[in-house]
Amino acid sequence: MGSLDGRVAIITGAGRGIGRAHALLLAAEGAAVVVNDLGGDNEGSGADAGPAQQVVEEIIAAGGRAVADTANIAEWAGAQGLVERAISTFGGLDVLVNNAGILRDAFIATMDEAQWDSVIAVHLKGHFAVLHHAAAYWKDQSKAGKQVAASVINTASASGTFMPNPGQANYGAAKAGIAAMTQVAALELERYGVRANAIAPVARTRLTLATPGMGAMFAEEVPDGEFDAFAPENISPIVGYLAQEKCPITGKVFAVQGGAISVLNGWTAAQTIETAGPWELADLADRLPELG
């Protein structure tokens, strides 16, 4: 018996890297998995059905259930079709793992409109579009009197939460937005029986290997038999747990890397200065530096 027996999961960006590891683990735990991947390159260009199909074949060969899907989740209709694919193929939807992403790094002064729009579209809009259609399904199920115990796991990043990275204004902004959206979703969807959490993973993927200043660190070889702290497989156990029907956790963002998991807190008021009346510019010049 697996911990996810009978549950149906969608995983976006599941043809390679962290998404592939999620798909293999959730399937091994008994979930029926819709393996979504457009099959594009790091920048989101092109399409290839091969990666998603290969993961499906791995799952089926191991005795699991899976189907490939190559919808573009950055498009509203693509996201809707993906949710409908899970329902029509496996009879429902219980778990949504939003993982798909691309990189188009550039410094702010040289980033063009297409670089900004494409990253925001795939990450932030892509997360929201699939979440919207899944949430509409769960709302309808709940309103019809059916018991819903669904789980959403979004993918934020260290870039955009606790480790902003120069050259990634688009990516960091999208990932910060995903973290905030996750907390809103947890509050809104609880009434329908849906939990929402996010992870900020640090692992070796096509994207991290291509990140300026970080690729060399991720590319270091690990001797046989030693723990590989950057292996994508290290990220998936927390996703498997958060996807379980009885998991009580919602509204959290977790940083995950190797054998370490940390809960992240959002913006908090660290220090405060006050005045009895309206602020004067001279007062601010004297006192605002107190806040660091």
Foldseek 3Di string as FASTA:
>chain_A
DALQAPAEEEFAPCLDFLNVLQLQVLQVRHYAYEYEAQCADQARDDGDQPSQVVSQVVSVVVPGHYDYHNFQLLDLVSLLVSLVCRCVPRNHHAEYEYDDFHADFDAPVPDDPCRLVSRLSRQQSSLVSNVVNNLVRLVVCVVVVHQHQHEYEYEAACCQAVNPDGRPPSNNVSRVNRLVVQLVCQVVRVVSNYAGEYEHEAADDSNQLPDPPRNVVRPDDDDPPDQDFRGSNQPNVVVSLRGGSPRPDHNWYWYTTRPDIDTGDHDDCPDDDDDPDDDDPVVCVVPVVVSD
